[in-house]
Amino acid sequence: MINCSGEETSDNKINKDVSVLSLDKEGEVSVPFSISGASSKESAYVRSPTPPRGVSDTTTRKRKAGPMPNDEEEVDNASNKGTGGSMASSSGYKCTLSPELLKKAKKELSEDPNTTRQEIKALRERLERIPGLKARTDDAFILRFLRARKFDQEKAFTLVMNFYKIKFEHADMFATMKPSYVKEALEDGVTGMLEHRDKEGCKVIMFRPGRWNTDKYDVWDMFKTNYMSLAKVIQEEETQIHGLRMFLDLSNLTWTHAKQITPTYAKCITGLFQESFPSRFKGIHYIHEPAFFDYVFSLLKPLLKKKIIKRIHFHGPRVEELREYVDEEYLPEEYGGKAPPFSNKSWADMLLNCEAEFEEDMKYGMVDMTLKTSTKGKVDATDSLPGSFKKLNVD
């Protein structure tokens, strides 16, 4: 787990509803911004800068060039431009990976310690040249996106842009993306983390929607609870390498809960966690599914990638099957293990102490570039010109 001081304490098609990017005929990325008053077919596009020479483009997916000589000082200076606060400071970043994890990162994620700094610099420079985007550009933030897309510069760039686009499209919801706004959901034990990792090193998320009090908070507060938990746990470098596993205990889930899972909500949550968030899910496990869960899953399945569907497991009441993934001594007793009953209290307390961190993160995002037009009446174009003008009466 990572506390709020930053210390560690323990390809497919993008869904058109959440995608920010499109590729033109030359393979370059265009960022759409709507213009007020334009027809439905019109939009303004800002062309994204292509990666520097030696870094992967649409033809060469992985960078082939070696490390840049005498580059450390230049990268450090670039890391500090336009950022501020504890979450956006690159000067304090230190790799926490063990030799074993570095070896795994190289094998599975194509991470090369000799060129990592150049990869970070290349992605940072592209983001800094995007009009209307104020992105975090510290090393730690950029690195998690590179790892999530196995150091493919194009895919990592698309992931960052989608990350900010979905926040822009759901600005009202993200305006309250702070732990204090979901305190009741956290205290009800809806979301938490197992203290120990699974047998593959994955961090295990416990999601228990049956504890959701629909009289006090809605489905979007459930979304916020999971989003902030993932945003926090993905800061752990070990989790970035090993990935995540989710246990969804559907005990006590009722139709009152299920009917709030609308198609709009389903699109948002699948779009975010598949195309807009730097996470790698190694397994999703449903436990104690009620009879009507088929309806809920029918909304989600068409939106899921085949790779994700293959990683979904339905266990029903057979909780002992979870021992295949988590050591028995670390698995809570209600899930067939020998550990004490699961409690999310320590996780909830930690998250509630991170209010300032999430407030800082809210400073970054896309700027509204919509062109405003006056509707208060006719405007004389000469009113904005310097000097004095007299109207001419022309017969």
Protein backbone atom coordinates (compact mmCIF):
# COMPACT_ATOMS: atom_id res chain seq x y z
CA MET A 1 0.00 0.00 0.00
CA ILE A 2 1.12 3.58 -0.61
CA ASN A 3 0.30 6.28 1.88
CA CYS A 4 -0.38 9.91 1.05
CA SER A 5 3.25 10.89 1.44
CA GLY A 6 4.07 8.64 -1.50
CA GLU A 7 5.80 5.97 0.60
CA GLU A 8 5.16 2.27 0.08
CA THR A 9 3.87 0.58 3.24
CA SER A 10 3.22 -3.04 2.47
CA ASP A 11 -5.82 -4.08 -28.80
CA ASN A 12 -8.47 -3.57 -29.88
CA LYS A 13 -10.78 -0.85 -31.08
CA ILE A 14 -11.47 1.96 -28.66
CA ASN A 15 -15.13 2.32 -27.74
CA LYS A 16 -16.41 5.19 -29.80
CA ASP A 17 -18.38 6.62 -26.90
CA VAL A 18 -15.29 7.31 -24.81
CA SER A 19 -12.47 7.63 -27.34
CA VAL A 20 -10.73 10.97 -27.58
CA LEU A 21 -8.57 10.22 -30.57
CA SER A 22 -8.84 9.46 -34.25
CA LEU A 23 -6.12 8.66 -36.77
CA ASP A 24 -5.89 10.55 -40.03
CA LYS A 25 -4.64 9.04 -43.27
CA GLU A 26 -1.05 9.84 -42.35
CA GLY A 27 -1.33 7.96 -39.08
CA GLU A 28 -1.23 11.09 -36.96
CA VAL A 29 -3.53 11.58 -34.00
CA SER A 30 -6.24 14.24 -33.99
CA VAL A 31 -7.98 15.51 -30.86
CA PRO A 32 -11.57 16.60 -31.47
CA PHE A 33 -13.14 19.61 -29.78
CA SER A 34 -16.69 20.60 -30.62
CA ILE A 35 -17.46 24.16 -31.71
CA SER A 36 -20.63 25.81 -30.57
CA GLY A 37 -22.87 26.66 -33.50
CA ALA A 38 -21.28 24.20 -35.89
CA SER A 39 -23.29 21.52 -37.60
CA SER A 40 -23.33 18.02 -36.14
CA LYS A 41 -20.85 16.90 -38.78
CA GLU A 42 -18.38 19.68 -38.06
CA SER A 43 -15.65 19.63 -35.45
CA ALA A 44 -12.29 21.24 -34.91
CA TYR A 45 -9.22 19.06 -34.69
CA VAL A 46 -5.88 19.72 -33.09
CA ARG A 47 -3.14 17.61 -34.59
CA SER A 48 -1.04 15.79 -32.06
CA PRO A 49 2.71 16.05 -32.47
CA THR A 50 4.33 12.83 -33.60
CA PRO A 51 6.95 11.23 -31.38
CA PRO A 52 10.56 12.36 -31.77
CA ARG A 53 12.90 10.47 -34.04
CA GLY A 54 14.03 7.23 -32.46
CA VAL A 55 10.73 6.74 -30.58
CA SER A 56 7.95 4.44 -31.76
CA ASP A 57 5.51 5.75 -34.35
CA THR A 58 2.56 4.08 -36.07
CA THR A 59 4.93 2.07 -38.22
CA THR A 60 7.57 1.16 -35.65
CA ARG A 61 5.54 0.27 -32.57
CA LYS A 62 8.47 -0.10 -30.18
CA ARG A 63 11.42 2.26 -29.96
CA LYS A 64 14.64 0.74 -31.28
CA ALA A 65 17.11 3.50 -30.43
CA GLY A 66 19.46 3.22 -27.49
CA PRO A 67 19.69 5.60 -24.54
CA MET A 68 20.58 9.22 -25.10
CA PRO A 69 24.02 10.12 -23.79
CA ASN A 70 24.30 12.71 -21.02
CA ASP A 71 20.53 12.96 -20.90
CA GLU A 72 19.74 12.78 -17.18
CA GLU A 73 20.07 16.47 -16.38
CA GLU A 74 17.97 17.45 -19.40
CA VAL A 75 15.23 14.97 -18.45
CA ASP A 76 15.17 16.16 -14.85
CA ASN A 77 14.73 19.75 -15.98
CA ALA A 78 11.95 18.81 -18.39
CA SER A 79 10.21 16.80 -15.67
CA ASN A 80 9.75 19.86 -13.51
CA LYS A 81 8.25 22.15 -16.13
CA GLY A 82 4.62 23.08 -15.63
CA THR A 83 4.01 20.86 -12.61
CA GLY A 84 3.59 21.46 -8.94
CA GLY A 85 2.47 19.83 -5.72
CA SER A 86 3.32 16.47 -4.21
CA MET A 87 1.61 14.44 -6.93
CA ALA A 88 3.37 16.24 -9.76
CA SER A 89 6.93 16.29 -8.51
CA SER A 90 9.34 14.18 -10.54
CA SER A 91 12.46 15.11 -8.58
CA GLY A 92 11.52 12.75 -5.73
CA TYR A 93 10.81 9.71 -7.92
CA LYS A 94 12.92 6.66 -7.20
CA CYS A 95 12.46 3.23 -8.69
CA THR A 96 11.33 0.80 -5.98
CA LEU A 97 11.46 -2.37 -8.07
CA SER A 98 13.53 -5.31 -6.90
CA PRO A 99 15.92 -7.02 -9.36
CA GLU A 100 13.31 -9.77 -9.80
CA LEU A 101 10.59 -7.25 -10.65
CA LEU A 102 12.89 -5.39 -13.03
CA LYS A 103 13.49 -8.68 -14.81
CA LYS A 104 9.74 -9.35 -15.03
CA ALA A 105 9.08 -5.80 -16.26
CA LYS A 106 11.59 -6.27 -19.05
CA LYS A 107 10.21 -9.66 -20.07
CA GLU A 108 6.47 -8.88 -19.89
CA LEU A 109 6.27 -5.12 -20.38
CA SER A 110 9.29 -4.46 -22.64
CA GLU A 111 10.73 -2.12 -20.00
CA ASP A 112 14.42 -1.41 -20.45
CA PRO A 113 16.04 0.45 -17.52
CA ASN A 114 18.63 1.84 -19.95
CA THR A 115 15.99 3.64 -22.02
CA THR A 116 13.13 4.23 -19.56
CA ARG A 117 14.06 7.86 -19.00
CA GLN A 118 14.05 8.54 -22.74
CA GLU A 119 10.64 6.87 -23.07
CA ILE A 120 9.27 9.10 -20.30
CA LYS A 121 10.77 12.20 -21.87
CA ALA A 122 9.32 11.40 -25.30
CA LEU A 123 5.79 10.93 -23.99
CA ARG A 124 6.05 14.00 -21.78
CA GLU A 125 7.08 16.22 -24.69
CA ARG A 126 4.14 15.04 -26.78
CA LEU A 127 1.69 15.80 -23.98
CA GLU A 128 3.16 19.24 -23.37
CA ARG A 129 2.53 20.18 -27.00
CA ILE A 130 -1.19 19.34 -26.97
CA PRO A 131 -3.27 22.56 -27.04
CA GLY A 132 -5.96 22.65 -24.38
CA LEU A 133 -4.41 19.92 -22.24
CA LYS A 134 -2.91 20.48 -18.80
CA ALA A 135 -1.56 17.04 -18.02
CA ARG A 136 0.51 15.74 -15.18
CA THR A 137 3.97 15.18 -16.58
CA ASP A 138 5.94 13.86 -13.62
CA ASP A 139 7.94 10.68 -14.14
CA ALA A 140 5.86 8.46 -11.86
CA PHE A 141 2.58 9.43 -13.54
CA ILE A 142 3.83 8.95 -17.11
CA LEU A 143 5.60 5.71 -16.25
CA ARG A 144 2.40 3.97 -15.13
CA PHE A 145 0.82 4.66 -18.55
CA LEU A 146 3.88 3.36 -20.39
CA ARG A 147 3.85 0.19 -18.33
CA ALA A 148 0.11 -0.30 -18.84
CA ARG A 149 0.71 -0.35 -22.62
CA LYS A 150 4.01 -2.23 -22.55
CA PHE A 151 6.05 0.82 -23.57
CA ASP A 152 4.26 1.26 -26.87
CA GLN A 153 4.47 5.03 -27.24
CA GLU A 154 1.37 5.35 -29.44
CA LYS A 155 -0.82 3.23 -27.20
CA ALA A 156 0.46 4.95 -24.06
CA PHE A 157 -0.22 8.37 -25.58
CA THR A 158 -3.76 7.29 -26.53
CA LEU A 159 -4.32 5.98 -23.00
CA VAL A 160 -3.30 9.30 -21.41
CA MET A 161 -5.51 11.26 -23.77
CA ASN A 162 -8.47 8.97 -23.09
CA PHE A 163 -7.80 9.31 -19.36
CA TYR A 164 -8.26 13.08 -19.58
CA LYS A 165 -11.04 12.95 -22.17
CA ILE A 166 -13.33 10.87 -19.99
CA LYS A 167 -12.73 13.26 -17.11
CA PHE A 168 -13.64 16.14 -19.43
CA GLU A 169 -16.81 14.43 -20.64
CA HIS A 170 -17.91 13.65 -17.07
CA ALA A 171 -16.72 16.91 -15.51
CA ASP A 172 -19.59 17.13 -13.01
CA MET A 173 -18.81 13.71 -11.57
CA PHE A 174 -15.05 14.25 -11.42
CA ALA A 175 -15.58 17.64 -9.74
CA THR A 176 -16.47 15.66 -6.60
CA MET A 177 -13.87 12.92 -7.02
CA LYS A 178 -12.70 13.17 -3.41
CA PRO A 179 -12.85 10.56 -0.63
CA SER A 180 -14.97 12.79 1.62
CA TYR A 181 -17.81 12.61 -0.93
CA VAL A 182 -17.99 8.81 -0.67
CA LYS A 183 -17.28 8.45 3.04
CA GLU A 184 -20.50 6.53 3.67
CA ALA A 185 -19.75 4.01 0.92
CA LEU A 186 -16.24 3.48 2.30
CA GLU A 187 -17.54 3.07 5.84
CA ASP A 188 -20.13 0.55 4.61
CA GLY A 189 -17.26 -1.62 3.40
CA VAL A 190 -18.19 -1.60 -0.27
CA THR A 191 -14.59 -1.47 -1.56
CA GLY A 192 -11.26 -2.46 -0.06
CA MET A 193 -8.02 -4.37 -0.64
CA LEU A 194 -6.76 -7.65 0.70
CA GLU A 195 -3.74 -7.07 2.89
CA HIS A 196 -1.62 -9.60 1.01
CA ARG A 197 -1.13 -10.08 -2.71
CA ASP A 198 -2.21 -13.17 -4.62
CA LYS A 199 0.10 -15.98 -5.69
CA GLU A 200 1.16 -14.06 -8.82
CA GLY A 201 1.86 -10.84 -6.94
CA CYS A 202 -1.34 -9.09 -8.01
CA LYS A 203 -3.06 -6.67 -5.66
CA VAL A 204 -6.54 -8.01 -4.85
CA ILE A 205 -9.51 -5.63 -4.84
CA MET A 206 -12.57 -6.61 -2.82
CA PHE A 207 -15.83 -5.18 -4.17
CA ARG A 208 -19.02 -5.96 -2.24
CA PRO A 209 -21.92 -4.08 -3.91
CA GLY A 210 -24.46 -5.86 -1.71
CA ARG A 211 -23.41 -3.47 1.08
CA TRP A 212 -24.45 -0.48 -1.03
CA ASN A 213 -27.12 1.60 0.72
CA THR A 214 -29.18 2.92 -2.21
CA ASP A 215 -31.09 5.27 0.11
CA LYS A 216 -27.93 7.23 0.93
CA TYR A 217 -25.83 7.26 -2.24
CA ASP A 218 -26.23 6.38 -5.91
CA VAL A 219 -24.45 4.22 -8.46
CA TRP A 220 -22.05 7.01 -9.45
CA ASP A 221 -20.78 7.19 -5.87
CA MET A 222 -20.01 3.50 -6.19
CA PHE A 223 -18.06 4.34 -9.33
CA LYS A 224 -16.11 7.05 -7.48
CA THR A 225 -15.27 4.67 -4.63
CA ASN A 226 -13.77 2.13 -7.02
CA TYR A 227 -12.06 4.76 -9.16
CA MET A 228 -10.25 6.36 -6.23
CA SER A 229 -9.26 2.99 -4.81
CA LEU A 230 -7.75 2.01 -8.15
CA ALA A 231 -6.10 5.43 -8.56
CA LYS A 232 -4.41 4.94 -5.21
CA VAL A 233 -3.33 1.32 -5.56
CA ILE A 234 -1.93 1.83 -9.07
CA GLN A 235 0.67 4.17 -7.58
CA GLU A 236 2.44 1.07 -6.29
CA GLU A 237 5.14 0.10 -8.76
CA GLU A 238 4.81 -3.54 -7.79
CA THR A 239 1.13 -3.40 -8.77
CA GLN A 240 2.00 -1.78 -12.10
CA ILE A 241 4.20 -4.78 -12.89
CA HIS A 242 2.13 -7.65 -11.48
CA GLY A 243 -1.32 -6.25 -12.23
CA LEU A 244 -4.64 -6.41 -10.39
CA ARG A 245 -7.18 -9.06 -9.51
CA MET A 246 -10.76 -8.29 -8.47
CA PHE A 247 -13.09 -10.35 -6.27
CA LEU A 248 -16.74 -9.28 -6.59
CA ASP A 249 -18.83 -10.68 -3.77
CA LEU A 250 -22.46 -10.31 -4.86
CA SER A 251 -23.94 -11.51 -1.57
CA ASN A 252 -27.05 -9.51 -0.60
CA LEU A 253 -27.21 -7.90 -4.05
CA THR A 254 -30.86 -7.12 -4.82
CA TRP A 255 -32.86 -5.99 -7.82
CA THR A 256 -32.90 -2.51 -6.26
CA HIS A 257 -29.14 -2.44 -6.75
CA ALA A 258 -29.12 -4.06 -10.18
CA LYS A 259 -31.68 -1.81 -11.86
CA GLN A 260 -29.39 1.19 -11.36
CA ILE A 261 -26.83 -0.35 -13.72
CA THR A 262 -28.02 1.47 -16.84
CA PRO A 263 -26.49 1.14 -20.35
CA THR A 264 -24.95 4.61 -19.89
CA TYR A 265 -23.28 3.55 -16.66
CA ALA A 266 -22.12 0.27 -18.23
CA LYS A 267 -20.48 2.14 -21.14
CA CYS A 268 -18.76 4.58 -18.81
CA ILE A 269 -17.32 2.02 -16.42
CA THR A 270 -16.13 -0.41 -19.13
CA GLY A 271 -14.74 2.42 -21.24
CA LEU A 272 -12.81 3.85 -18.32
CA PHE A 273 -11.20 0.68 -17.04
CA GLN A 274 -10.43 -0.80 -20.47
CA GLU A 275 -9.31 2.23 -22.46
CA SER A 276 -8.79 5.15 -20.09
CA PHE A 277 -7.03 3.91 -16.96
CA PRO A 278 -3.45 2.61 -16.56
CA SER A 279 -4.35 -0.74 -15.02
CA ARG A 280 -3.87 -4.36 -16.03
CA PHE A 281 -6.50 -6.78 -14.73
CA LYS A 282 -5.30 -10.37 -14.53
CA GLY A 283 -8.57 -11.80 -13.25
CA ILE A 284 -12.16 -10.85 -12.36
CA HIS A 285 -13.95 -13.27 -10.04
CA TYR A 286 -17.69 -13.22 -9.29
CA ILE A 287 -18.88 -14.88 -6.08
CA HIS A 288 -22.44 -15.62 -4.90
CA GLU A 289 -24.07 -14.35 -8.09
CA PRO A 290 -27.87 -13.96 -7.76
CA ALA A 291 -30.22 -15.36 -10.40
CA PHE A 292 -30.84 -11.97 -12.02
CA PHE A 293 -27.13 -11.28 -12.49
CA ASP A 294 -27.44 -12.60 -16.03
CA TYR A 295 -29.31 -9.40 -16.87
CA VAL A 296 -26.55 -7.20 -15.43
CA PHE A 297 -23.81 -9.11 -17.19
CA SER A 298 -25.72 -8.96 -20.49
CA LEU A 299 -25.27 -5.17 -20.38
CA LEU A 300 -21.54 -5.44 -19.75
CA LYS A 301 -20.46 -8.35 -21.95
CA PRO A 302 -20.90 -6.68 -25.38
CA LEU A 303 -18.66 -3.84 -24.17
CA LEU A 304 -15.84 -6.05 -22.92
CA LYS A 305 -12.75 -7.06 -24.86
CA LYS A 306 -12.31 -10.75 -25.61
CA LYS A 307 -9.13 -10.72 -23.54
CA ILE A 308 -11.06 -9.48 -20.49
CA ILE A 309 -13.92 -11.95 -21.01
CA LYS A 310 -11.42 -14.81 -20.94
CA ARG A 311 -10.25 -13.61 -17.52
CA ILE A 312 -13.73 -13.57 -15.96
CA HIS A 313 -14.60 -16.41 -13.58
CA PHE A 314 -17.98 -17.28 -12.05
CA HIS A 315 -17.64 -19.17 -8.77
CA GLY A 316 -21.16 -19.03 -7.34
CA PRO A 317 -21.10 -20.41 -3.77
CA ARG A 318 -17.83 -22.31 -4.37
CA VAL A 319 -15.61 -19.88 -2.48
CA GLU A 320 -13.00 -22.56 -1.88
CA GLU A 321 -12.00 -22.14 -5.53
CA LEU A 322 -10.42 -18.80 -4.60
CA ARG A 323 -7.63 -20.71 -2.87
CA GLU A 324 -6.25 -21.40 -6.34
CA TYR A 325 -5.37 -17.70 -6.56
CA VAL A 326 -4.70 -16.57 -2.97
CA ASP A 327 -2.82 -18.49 -0.31
CA GLU A 328 -5.20 -20.00 2.20
CA GLU A 329 -3.51 -18.27 5.13
CA TYR A 330 -4.18 -14.85 3.56
CA LEU A 331 -7.72 -15.51 2.33
CA PRO A 332 -10.52 -14.34 4.69
CA GLU A 333 -12.42 -17.18 6.33
CA GLU A 334 -15.73 -16.32 4.61
CA TYR A 335 -13.96 -16.99 1.30
CA GLY A 336 -12.56 -20.38 2.24
CA GLY A 337 -9.34 -19.21 3.90
CA LYS A 338 -7.87 -19.07 7.39
CA ALA A 339 -7.44 -15.30 7.75
CA PRO A 340 -9.84 -13.20 9.88
CA PRO A 341 -13.04 -11.91 8.24
CA PHE A 342 -12.38 -9.23 5.66
CA SER A 343 -12.47 -5.60 6.79
CA ASN A 344 -11.78 -2.55 4.66
CA LYS A 345 -11.31 -0.21 7.63
CA SER A 346 -7.57 0.34 7.22
CA TRP A 347 -8.01 0.95 3.49
CA ALA A 348 -10.93 3.34 4.01
CA ASP A 349 -9.03 5.28 6.69
CA MET A 350 -6.00 5.60 4.43
CA LEU A 351 -8.08 6.80 1.50
CA LEU A 352 -9.97 9.35 3.61
CA ASN A 353 -6.63 10.81 4.65
CA CYS A 354 -5.76 11.45 0.98
CA GLU A 355 -8.24 14.28 0.40
CA ALA A 356 -5.54 16.83 -0.47
CA GLU A 357 -3.95 14.45 -2.96
CA PHE A 358 -7.16 14.06 -4.97
CA GLU A 359 -7.80 17.80 -4.78
CA GLU A 360 -4.37 18.35 -6.32
CA ASP A 361 -5.14 15.91 -9.10
CA MET A 362 -8.29 17.85 -9.98
CA LYS A 363 -6.10 20.74 -11.19
CA TYR A 364 -5.17 18.76 -14.31
CA GLY A 365 -7.28 18.03 -17.33
CA MET A 366 -8.57 19.32 -20.63
CA VAL A 367 -9.45 22.98 -21.08
CA ASP A 368 -12.84 23.77 -22.59
CA MET A 369 -11.95 25.06 -26.07
CA THR A 370 -15.55 25.58 -27.17
CA LEU A 371 -16.00 28.86 -29.03
CA LYS A 372 -18.66 30.99 -27.36
CA THR A 373 -21.03 33.10 -29.44
CA SER A 374 -23.17 35.94 -28.16
CA THR A 375 -26.95 35.47 -28.13
CA LYS A 376 -27.87 38.83 -26.61
CA GLY A 377 -28.51 40.53 -29.93
CA LYS A 378 -26.80 41.70 -33.06
CA VAL A 379 -23.17 42.73 -32.78
CA ASP A 380 -21.60 45.40 -34.97
CA ALA A 381 -18.20 44.12 -36.14
CA THR A 382 -16.81 47.69 -36.10
CA ASP A 383 -17.34 47.89 -32.35
CA SER A 384 -14.18 45.86 -31.80
CA LEU A 385 -11.98 47.92 -34.11
CA PRO A 386 -9.68 50.67 -32.79
CA GLY A 387 -10.24 54.29 -33.76
CA SER A 388 -13.37 56.20 -34.72
CA PHE A 389 -15.66 55.22 -37.54
CA LYS A 390 -18.79 56.84 -38.99
CA LYS A 391 -21.41 54.85 -40.77
CA LEU A 392 -21.77 55.77 -44.40
CA ASN A 393 -25.17 56.06 -45.98
CA VAL A 394 -24.84 54.60 -49.42
CA ASP A 395 -27.66 55.37 -51.91
